[in-house]
Structure formats: structure tokens, C-alpha cells
Amino acid sequence: HLGVDWYAEGGILTKPTVFGMMNGRPQVGGEAGPEAVLPIEKLSDILANTFKNMGMEKPIIIQLDGRTIARVTAPYMSEELSFRNKRRF
């Protein structure tokens, strides 16, 4: 008798569990404690909810002086000005 647990909708591995083979070696999860198995498309929703619950939706204020802004944006400004000058001719 072979029992198969399917984790297409996600699940928790609470004990060492072989879930696949790669290059002849078993792929194991849950050996160091509980591990979550979930579809990648669910991950963004989970992270968004986690960040929301942590108050991570609040604005982050970053103060920069003019010199810092100029240094960081200069390469982009130069590229844009060059592009615009080429379009004129």
C-alpha cells in the first residue's frame, strides 16, 4: 500500500517528509521543524497581509539633500537630455 499526500493547495510538513527526488537524491522537508508548502501565486497575498498587519503600509520618509539627488539622478538626466537632443536633429 502506497499512501500519497497531495500539497497542491499548500500544507505544513510537521515531520521529515520526502516530497520528491532530484538526481537520485530524496528532497526532504520538515526535518528541521514545521515547514510550509504553498503555491507561489499564494505567496504574494500572504506577504501583503503580513506586511499590512505589521503596519508596513505607512509611508516611509526619506530625506535627501539637493547634492544627493543630483548625484543619483545625473546619469539618467544626461541620458535623457542626450536622447532629446538627438531627436531635434
PDB file of N, CA and C in Angstrom:
ATOM      1  N   HIS A   1       0.846  -1.178   0.000  1.00  0.00           N
ATOM      2  CA  HIS A   1       0.000   0.000   0.000  1.00  0.00           C
ATOM      3  C   HIS A   1       0.887   1.234   0.000  1.00  0.00           C
ATOM      4  N   LEU A   2       0.618   2.145  -0.915  1.00  0.00           N
ATOM      5  CA  LEU A   2       1.384   3.378  -1.037  1.00  0.00           C
ATOM      6  C   LEU A   2       0.449   4.546  -0.769  1.00  0.00           C
ATOM      7  N   GLY A   3       0.749   5.304   0.287  1.00  0.00           N
ATOM      8  CA  GLY A   3      -0.057   6.481   0.608  1.00  0.00           C
ATOM      9  C   GLY A   3       0.580   7.719   0.019  1.00  0.00           C
ATOM     10  N   VAL A   4      -0.231   8.560  -0.604  1.00  0.00           N
ATOM     11  CA  VAL A   4       0.277   9.793  -1.201  1.00  0.00           C
ATOM     12  C   VAL A   4      -0.524  10.963  -0.642  1.00  0.00           C
ATOM     13  N   ASP A   5       0.184  11.944  -0.099  1.00  0.00           N
ATOM     14  CA  ASP A   5      -0.455  13.186   0.330  1.00  0.00           C
ATOM     15  C   ASP A   5      -0.164  14.237  -0.730  1.00  0.00           C
ATOM     16  N   TRP A   6      -1.189  14.928  -1.204  1.00  0.00           N
ATOM     17  CA  TRP A   6      -1.021  15.947  -2.227  1.00  0.00           C
ATOM     18  C   TRP A   6      -1.029  17.320  -1.571  1.00  0.00           C
ATOM     19  N   TYR A   7      -0.114  18.173  -1.991  1.00  0.00           N
ATOM     20  CA  TYR A   7       0.012  19.505  -1.410  1.00  0.00           C
ATOM     21  C   TYR A   7      -0.201  20.609  -2.449  1.00  0.00           C
ATOM     22  N   ALA A   8      -1.041  20.368  -3.436  1.00  0.00           N
ATOM     23  CA  ALA A   8      -1.280  21.357  -4.491  1.00  0.00           C
ATOM     24  C   ALA A   8      -1.850  22.660  -3.932  1.00  0.00           C
ATOM     25  N   GLU A   9      -2.631  22.578  -2.884  1.00  0.00           N
ATOM     26  CA  GLU A   9      -3.217  23.771  -2.270  1.00  0.00           C
ATOM     27  C   GLU A   9      -2.377  24.286  -1.116  1.00  0.00           C
ATOM     28  N   GLY A  10      -1.283  23.608  -0.821  1.00  0.00           N
ATOM     29  CA  GLY A  10      -0.416  24.009   0.285  1.00  0.00           C
ATOM     30  C   GLY A  10      -0.593  23.076   1.470  1.00  0.00           C
ATOM     31  N   GLY A  11       0.290  23.192   2.414  1.00  0.00           N
ATOM     32  CA  GLY A  11       0.215  22.365   3.605  1.00  0.00           C
ATOM     33  C   GLY A  11       1.398  22.643   4.515  1.00  0.00           C
ATOM     34  N   ILE A  12       1.422  21.966   5.649  1.00  0.00           N
ATOM     35  CA  ILE A  12       2.503  22.096   6.622  1.00  0.00           C
ATOM     36  C   ILE A  12       3.139  20.725   6.808  1.00  0.00           C
ATOM     37  N   LEU A  13       4.455  20.666   6.636  1.00  0.00           N
ATOM     38  CA  LEU A  13       5.198  19.434   6.899  1.00  0.00           C
ATOM     39  C   LEU A  13       5.647  19.505   8.355  1.00  0.00           C
ATOM     40  N   THR A  14       5.107  18.626   9.202  1.00  0.00           N
ATOM     41  CA  THR A  14       5.404  18.683  10.638  1.00  0.00           C
ATOM     42  C   THR A  14       6.448  17.668  11.069  1.00  0.00           C
ATOM     43  N   LYS A  15       6.836  16.795  10.157  1.00  0.00           N
ATOM     44  CA  LYS A  15       7.872  15.799  10.441  1.00  0.00           C
ATOM     45  C   LYS A  15       8.649  15.582   9.150  1.00  0.00           C
ATOM     46  N   PRO A  16       9.831  14.976   9.210  1.00  0.00           N
ATOM     47  CA  PRO A  16      10.583  14.752   7.966  1.00  0.00           C
ATOM     48  C   PRO A  16       9.717  14.054   6.918  1.00  0.00           C
ATOM     49  N   THR A  17       9.655  14.664   5.737  1.00  0.00           N
ATOM     50  CA  THR A  17       8.790  14.179   4.668  1.00  0.00           C
ATOM     51  C   THR A  17       9.537  14.228   3.343  1.00  0.00           C
ATOM     52  N   VAL A  18       9.585  13.098   2.641  1.00  0.00           N
ATOM     53  CA  VAL A  18      10.176  13.057   1.305  1.00  0.00           C
ATOM     54  C   VAL A  18       9.099  13.515   0.332  1.00  0.00           C
ATOM     55  N   PHE A  19       9.391  14.571  -0.435  1.00  0.00           N
ATOM     56  CA  PHE A  19       8.390  15.076  -1.370  1.00  0.00           C
ATOM     57  C   PHE A  19       8.827  14.989  -2.817  1.00  0.00           C
ATOM     58  N   GLY A  20      10.001  14.459  -3.076  1.00  0.00           N
ATOM     59  CA  GLY A  20      10.447  14.313  -4.457  1.00  0.00           C
ATOM     60  C   GLY A  20      11.857  13.765  -4.524  1.00  0.00           C
ATOM     61  N   MET A  21      12.309  13.538  -5.750  1.00  0.00           N
ATOM     62  CA  MET A  21      13.670  13.058  -5.989  1.00  0.00           C
ATOM     63  C   MET A  21      14.324  13.974  -7.012  1.00  0.00           C
ATOM     64  N   MET A  22      15.627  14.240  -6.822  1.00  0.00           N
ATOM     65  CA  MET A  22      16.387  15.022  -7.782  1.00  0.00           C
ATOM     66  C   MET A  22      17.783  14.425  -7.864  1.00  0.00           C
ATOM     67  N   ASN A  23      18.173  14.050  -9.074  1.00  0.00           N
ATOM     68  CA  ASN A  23      19.485  13.432  -9.295  1.00  0.00           C
ATOM     69  C   ASN A  23      19.709  12.223  -8.386  1.00  0.00           C
ATOM     70  N   GLY A  24      18.661  11.454  -8.193  1.00  0.00           N
ATOM     71  CA  GLY A  24      18.760  10.243  -7.391  1.00  0.00           C
ATOM     72  C   GLY A  24      18.780  10.477  -5.892  1.00  0.00           C
ATOM     73  N   ARG A  25      18.574  11.707  -5.466  1.00  0.00           N
ATOM     74  CA  ARG A  25      18.587  12.016  -4.035  1.00  0.00           C
ATOM     75  C   ARG A  25      17.209  12.502  -3.599  1.00  0.00           C
ATOM     76  N   PRO A  26      16.756  12.052  -2.434  1.00  0.00           N
ATOM     77  CA  PRO A  26      15.439  12.484  -1.965  1.00  0.00           C
ATOM     78  C   PRO A  26      15.436  13.964  -1.578  1.00  0.00           C
ATOM     79  N   GLN A  27      14.341  14.627  -1.896  1.00  0.00           N
ATOM     80  CA  GLN A  27      14.112  16.007  -1.472  1.00  0.00           C
ATOM     81  C   GLN A  27      13.223  15.936  -0.239  1.00  0.00           C
ATOM     82  N   VAL A  28      13.712  16.493   0.860  1.00  0.00           N
ATOM     83  CA  VAL A  28      13.039  16.326   2.150  1.00  0.00           C
ATOM     84  C   VAL A  28      12.678  17.686   2.730  1.00  0.00           C
ATOM     85  N   GLY A  29      11.544  17.770   3.378  1.00  0.00           N
ATOM     86  CA  GLY A  29      11.132  18.973   4.093  1.00  0.00           C
ATOM     87  C   GLY A  29      10.638  18.585   5.469  1.00  0.00           C
ATOM     88  N   GLY A  30      10.592  19.531   6.372  1.00  0.00           N
ATOM     89  CA  GLY A  30      10.080  19.294   7.714  1.00  0.00           C
ATOM     90  C   GLY A  30      11.067  18.648   8.659  1.00  0.00           C
ATOM     91  N   GLU A  31      12.307  18.451   8.211  1.00  0.00           N
ATOM     92  CA  GLU A  31      13.276  17.762   9.065  1.00  0.00           C
ATOM     93  C   GLU A  31      13.833  18.662  10.165  1.00  0.00           C
ATOM     94  N   ALA A  32      13.734  19.978   9.994  1.00  0.00           N
ATOM     95  CA  ALA A  32      14.274  20.904  10.994  1.00  0.00           C
ATOM     96  C   ALA A  32      13.146  21.619  11.740  1.00  0.00           C
ATOM     97  N   GLY A  33      11.952  21.070  11.674  1.00  0.00           N
ATOM     98  CA  GLY A  33      10.791  21.708  12.274  1.00  0.00           C
ATOM     99  C   GLY A  33       9.734  21.932  11.207  1.00  0.00           C
ATOM    100  N   PRO A  34       8.573  22.412  11.607  1.00  0.00           N
ATOM    101  CA  PRO A  34       7.487  22.602  10.648  1.00  0.00           C
ATOM    102  C   PRO A  34       7.889  23.513   9.487  1.00  0.00           C
ATOM    103  N   GLU A  35       7.490  23.125   8.271  1.00  0.00           N
ATOM    104  CA  GLU A  35       7.752  23.911   7.061  1.00  0.00           C
ATOM    105  C   GLU A  35       6.465  24.022   6.258  1.00  0.00           C
ATOM    106  N   ALA A  36       6.281  25.188   5.650  1.00  0.00           N
ATOM    107  CA  ALA A  36       5.099  25.421   4.822  1.00  0.00           C
ATOM    108  C   ALA A  36       5.390  25.043   3.382  1.00  0.00           C
ATOM    109  N   VAL A  37       4.398  24.445   2.745  1.00  0.00           N
ATOM    110  CA  VAL A  37       4.430  24.148   1.312  1.00  0.00           C
ATOM    111  C   VAL A  37       3.246  24.897   0.725  1.00  0.00           C
ATOM    112  N   LEU A  38       3.515  25.783  -0.257  1.00  0.00           N
ATOM    113  CA  LEU A  38       2.406  26.525  -0.819  1.00  0.00           C
ATOM    114  C   LEU A  38       2.691  26.899  -2.259  1.00  0.00           C
ATOM    115  N   PRO A  39       1.623  27.062  -3.044  1.00  0.00           N
ATOM    116  CA  PRO A  39       1.790  27.513  -4.424  1.00  0.00           C
ATOM    117  C   PRO A  39       2.349  28.937  -4.444  1.00  0.00           C
ATOM    118  N   ILE A  40       3.233  29.227  -5.377  1.00  0.00           N
ATOM    119  CA  ILE A  40       3.875  30.539  -5.460  1.00  0.00           C
ATOM    120  C   ILE A  40       2.848  31.655  -5.600  1.00  0.00           C
ATOM    121  N   GLU A  41       1.761  31.430  -6.352  1.00  0.00           N
ATOM    122  CA  GLU A  41       0.791  32.506  -6.558  1.00  0.00           C
ATOM    123  C   GLU A  41       0.101  32.924  -5.263  1.00  0.00           C
ATOM    124  N   LYS A  42       0.100  32.065  -4.242  1.00  0.00           N
ATOM    125  CA  LYS A  42      -0.491  32.436  -2.954  1.00  0.00           C
ATOM    126  C   LYS A  42       0.470  33.268  -2.111  1.00  0.00           C
ATOM    127  N   LEU A  43       1.746  33.214  -2.433  1.00  0.00           N
ATOM    128  CA  LEU A  43       2.761  33.869  -1.620  1.00  0.00           C
ATOM    129  C   LEU A  43       2.576  35.382  -1.559  1.00  0.00           C
ATOM    130  N   SER A  44       2.257  36.026  -2.685  1.00  0.00           N
ATOM    131  CA  SER A  44       2.119  37.488  -2.681  1.00  0.00           C
ATOM    132  C   SER A  44       0.977  37.939  -1.779  1.00  0.00           C
ATOM    133  N   ASP A  45      -0.132  37.208  -1.779  1.00  0.00           N
ATOM    134  CA  ASP A  45      -1.248  37.564  -0.901  1.00  0.00           C
ATOM    135  C   ASP A  45      -0.865  37.403   0.563  1.00  0.00           C
ATOM    136  N   ILE A  46      -0.162  36.331   0.867  1.00  0.00           N
ATOM    137  CA  ILE A  46       0.258  36.086   2.250  1.00  0.00           C
ATOM    138  C   ILE A  46       1.207  37.184   2.714  1.00  0.00           C
ATOM    139  N   LEU A  47       2.178  37.543   1.864  1.00  0.00           N
ATOM    140  CA  LEU A  47       3.124  38.596   2.233  1.00  0.00           C
ATOM    141  C   LEU A  47       2.426  39.943   2.380  1.00  0.00           C
ATOM    142  N   ALA A  48       1.506  40.265   1.476  1.00  0.00           N
ATOM    143  CA  ALA A  48       0.784  41.538   1.558  1.00  0.00           C
ATOM    144  C   ALA A  48       0.010  41.630   2.867  1.00  0.00           C
ATOM    145  N   ASN A  49      -0.667  40.551   3.253  1.00  0.00           N
ATOM    146  CA  ASN A  49      -1.416  40.545   4.510  1.00  0.00           C
ATOM    147  C   ASN A  49      -0.487  40.661   5.706  1.00  0.00           C
ATOM    148  N   THR A  50       0.658  39.985   5.641  1.00  0.00           N
ATOM    149  CA  THR A  50       1.624  40.053   6.736  1.00  0.00           C
ATOM    150  C   THR A  50       2.144  41.474   6.895  1.00  0.00           C
ATOM    151  N   PHE A  51       2.541  42.105   5.782  1.00  0.00           N
ATOM    152  CA  PHE A  51       3.046  43.477   5.851  1.00  0.00           C
ATOM    153  C   PHE A  51       1.967  44.435   6.350  1.00  0.00           C
ATOM    154  N   LYS A  52       0.729  44.212   5.915  1.00  0.00           N
ATOM    155  CA  LYS A  52      -0.370  45.063   6.360  1.00  0.00           C
ATOM    156  C   LYS A  52      -0.540  44.952   7.869  1.00  0.00           C
ATOM    157  N   ASN A  53      -0.501  43.726   8.384  1.00  0.00           N
ATOM    158  CA  ASN A  53      -0.657  43.506   9.818  1.00  0.00           C
ATOM    159  C   ASN A  53       0.517  44.059  10.620  1.00  0.00           C
ATOM    160  N   MET A  54       1.668  44.196   9.992  1.00  0.00           N
ATOM    161  CA  MET A  54       2.850  44.732  10.666  1.00  0.00           C
ATOM    162  C   MET A  54       2.905  46.255  10.558  1.00  0.00           C
ATOM    163  N   GLY A  55       1.914  46.853   9.924  1.00  0.00           N
ATOM    164  CA  GLY A  55       1.902  48.298   9.760  1.00  0.00           C
ATOM    165  C   GLY A  55       2.856  48.782   8.689  1.00  0.00           C
ATOM    166  N   MET A  56       3.182  47.913   7.727  1.00  0.00           N
ATOM    167  CA  MET A  56       4.150  48.263   6.699  1.00  0.00           C
ATOM    168  C   MET A  56       3.519  49.083   5.572  1.00  0.00           C
ATOM    169  N   GLU A  57       2.262  49.475   5.709  1.00  0.00           N
ATOM    170  CA  GLU A  57       1.630  50.303   4.689  1.00  0.00           C
ATOM    171  C   GLU A  57       1.873  51.782   4.940  1.00  0.00           C
ATOM    172  N   LYS A  58       2.481  52.105   6.069  1.00  0.00           N
ATOM    173  CA  LYS A  58       2.736  53.502   6.397  1.00  0.00           C
ATOM    174  C   LYS A  58       3.812  54.057   5.473  1.00  0.00           C
ATOM    175  N   PRO A  59       3.698  55.346   5.129  1.00  0.00           N
ATOM    176  CA  PRO A  59       4.720  55.929   4.256  1.00  0.00           C
ATOM    177  C   PRO A  59       6.082  55.959   4.949  1.00  0.00           C
ATOM    178  N   ILE A  60       7.108  55.798   4.160  1.00  0.00           N
ATOM    179  CA  ILE A  60       8.475  55.893   4.652  1.00  0.00           C
ATOM    180  C   ILE A  60       9.029  57.219   4.153  1.00  0.00           C
ATOM    181  N   ILE A  61       9.480  58.047   5.066  1.00  0.00           N
ATOM    182  CA  ILE A  61      10.008  59.356   4.700  1.00  0.00           C
ATOM    183  C   ILE A  61      11.520  59.256   4.594  1.00  0.00           C
ATOM    184  N   ILE A  62      12.031  59.638   3.433  1.00  0.00           N
ATOM    185  CA  ILE A  62      13.470  59.645   3.191  1.00  0.00           C
ATOM    186  C   ILE A  62      13.864  61.075   2.857  1.00  0.00           C
ATOM    187  N   GLN A  63      14.761  61.630   3.640  1.00  0.00           N
ATOM    188  CA  GLN A  63      15.198  63.000   3.401  1.00  0.00           C
ATOM    189  C   GLN A  63      16.540  62.980   2.679  1.00  0.00           C
ATOM    190  N   LEU A  64      16.599  63.685   1.552  1.00  0.00           N
ATOM    191  CA  LEU A  64      17.819  63.783   0.758  1.00  0.00           C
ATOM    192  C   LEU A  64      18.109  65.245   0.487  1.00  0.00           C
ATOM    193  N   ASP A  65      19.380  65.603   0.498  1.00  0.00           N
ATOM    194  CA  ASP A  65      19.719  66.974   0.128  1.00  0.00           C
ATOM    195  C   ASP A  65      19.839  67.067  -1.392  1.00  0.00           C
ATOM    196  N   GLY A  66      19.900  68.300  -1.906  1.00  0.00           N
ATOM    197  CA  GLY A  66      19.957  68.522  -3.349  1.00  0.00           C
ATOM    198  C   GLY A  66      21.144  67.857  -4.011  1.00  0.00           C
ATOM    199  N   ARG A  67      22.299  67.865  -3.341  1.00  0.00           N
ATOM    200  CA  ARG A  67      23.502  67.265  -3.915  1.00  0.00           C
ATOM    201  C   ARG A  67      23.314  65.756  -4.098  1.00  0.00           C
ATOM    202  N   THR A  68      22.714  65.106  -3.119  1.00  0.00           N
ATOM    203  CA  THR A  68      22.481  63.657  -3.226  1.00  0.00           C
ATOM    204  C   THR A  68      21.536  63.354  -4.377  1.00  0.00           C
ATOM    205  N   ILE A  69      20.476  64.126  -4.484  1.00  0.00           N
ATOM    206  CA  ILE A  69      19.524  63.915  -5.580  1.00  0.00           C
ATOM    207  C   ILE A  69      20.213  64.125  -6.924  1.00  0.00           C
ATOM    208  N   ALA A  70      21.014  65.191  -7.036  1.00  0.00           N
ATOM    209  CA  ALA A  70      21.722  65.472  -8.292  1.00  0.00           C
ATOM    210  C   ALA A  70      22.682  64.338  -8.642  1.00  0.00           C
ATOM    211  N   ARG A  71      23.426  63.842  -7.646  1.00  0.00           N
ATOM    212  CA  ARG A  71      24.404  62.781  -7.904  1.00  0.00           C
ATOM    213  C   ARG A  71      23.711  61.506  -8.388  1.00  0.00           C
ATOM    214  N   VAL A  72      22.597  61.193  -7.785  1.00  0.00           N
ATOM    215  CA  VAL A  72      21.892  59.955  -8.132  1.00  0.00           C
ATOM    216  C   VAL A  72      21.172  60.076  -9.473  1.00  0.00           C
ATOM    217  N   THR A  73      20.620  61.241  -9.764  1.00  0.00           N
ATOM    218  CA  THR A  73      19.829  61.386 -10.991  1.00  0.00           C
ATOM    219  C   THR A  73      20.636  61.865 -12.192  1.00  0.00           C
ATOM    220  N   ALA A  74      21.850  62.378 -11.979  1.00  0.00           N
ATOM    221  CA  ALA A  74      22.655  62.935 -13.078  1.00  0.00           C
ATOM    222  C   ALA A  74      22.824  61.978 -14.253  1.00  0.00           C
ATOM    223  N   PRO A  75      23.180  60.704 -14.027  1.00  0.00           N
ATOM    224  CA  PRO A  75      23.342  59.813 -15.189  1.00  0.00           C
ATOM    225  C   PRO A  75      22.053  59.672 -16.000  1.00  0.00           C
ATOM    226  N   TYR A  76      20.927  59.626 -15.324  1.00  0.00           N
ATOM    227  CA  TYR A  76      19.648  59.491 -16.017  1.00  0.00           C
ATOM    228  C   TYR A  76      19.292  60.782 -16.752  1.00  0.00           C
ATOM    229  N   MET A  77      19.568  61.914 -16.112  1.00  0.00           N
ATOM    230  CA  MET A  77      19.301  63.207 -16.753  1.00  0.00           C
ATOM    231  C   MET A  77      20.163  63.369 -17.997  1.00  0.00           C
ATOM    232  N   SER A  78      21.437  62.999 -17.885  1.00  0.00           N
ATOM    233  CA  SER A  78      22.350  63.108 -19.021  1.00  0.00           C
ATOM    234  C   SER A  78      21.863  62.256 -20.186  1.00  0.00           C
ATOM    235  N   GLU A  79      21.459  61.044 -19.873  1.00  0.00           N
ATOM    236  CA  GLU A  79      20.952  60.129 -20.907  1.00  0.00           C
ATOM    237  C   GLU A  79      19.696  60.695 -21.562  1.00  0.00           C
ATOM    238  N   GLU A  80      18.794  61.219 -20.752  1.00  0.00           N
ATOM    239  CA  GLU A  80      17.541  61.775 -21.279  1.00  0.00           C
ATOM    240  C   GLU A  80      17.803  63.010 -22.139  1.00  0.00           C
ATOM    241  N   LEU A  81      18.680  63.900 -21.680  1.00  0.00           N
ATOM    242  CA  LEU A  81      18.997  65.099 -22.459  1.00  0.00           C
ATOM    243  C   LEU A  81      19.652  64.741 -23.785  1.00  0.00           C
ATOM    244  N   SER A  82      20.538  63.764 -23.763  1.00  0.00           N
ATOM    245  CA  SER A  82      21.188  63.306 -24.991  1.00  0.00           C
ATOM    246  C   SER A  82      20.152  62.757 -25.966  1.00  0.00           C
ATOM    247  N   PHE A  83      19.233  61.960 -25.461  1.00  0.00           N
ATOM    248  CA  PHE A  83      18.173  61.380 -26.286  1.00  0.00           C
ATOM    249  C   PHE A  83      17.320  62.488 -26.918  1.00  0.00           C
ATOM    250  N   ARG A  84      16.955  63.481 -26.115  1.00  0.00           N
ATOM    251  CA  ARG A  84      16.116  64.572 -26.620  1.00  0.00           C
ATOM    252  C   ARG A  84      16.857  65.418 -27.655  1.00  0.00           C
ATOM    253  N   ASN A  85      18.147  65.656 -27.428  1.00  0.00           N
ATOM    254  CA  ASN A  85      18.931  66.432 -28.395  1.00  0.00           C
ATOM    255  C   ASN A  85      19.041  65.705 -29.727  1.00  0.00           C
ATOM    256  N   LYS A  86      19.179  64.402 -29.705  1.00  0.00           N
ATOM    257  CA  LYS A  86      19.273  63.618 -30.945  1.00  0.00           C
ATOM    258  C   LYS A  86      17.963  63.669 -31.724  1.00  0.00           C
ATOM    259  N   ARG A  87      16.852  63.754 -31.032  1.00  0.00           N
ATOM    260  CA  ARG A  87      15.541  63.797 -31.692  1.00  0.00           C
ATOM    261  C   ARG A  87      15.304  65.125 -32.396  1.00  0.00           C
ATOM    262  N   ARG A  88      15.952  66.182 -31.954  1.00  0.00           N
ATOM    263  CA  ARG A  88      15.754  67.512 -32.550  1.00  0.00           C
ATOM    264  C   ARG A  88      16.369  67.603 -33.937  1.00  0.00           C
ATOM    265  N   PHE A  89      17.443  66.867 -34.175  1.00  0.00           N
ATOM    266  CA  PHE A  89      18.183  66.997 -35.443  1.00  0.00           C
ATOM    267  C   PHE A  89      17.781  65.965 -36.433  1.00  0.00           C
TER     268      PHE A  89
END
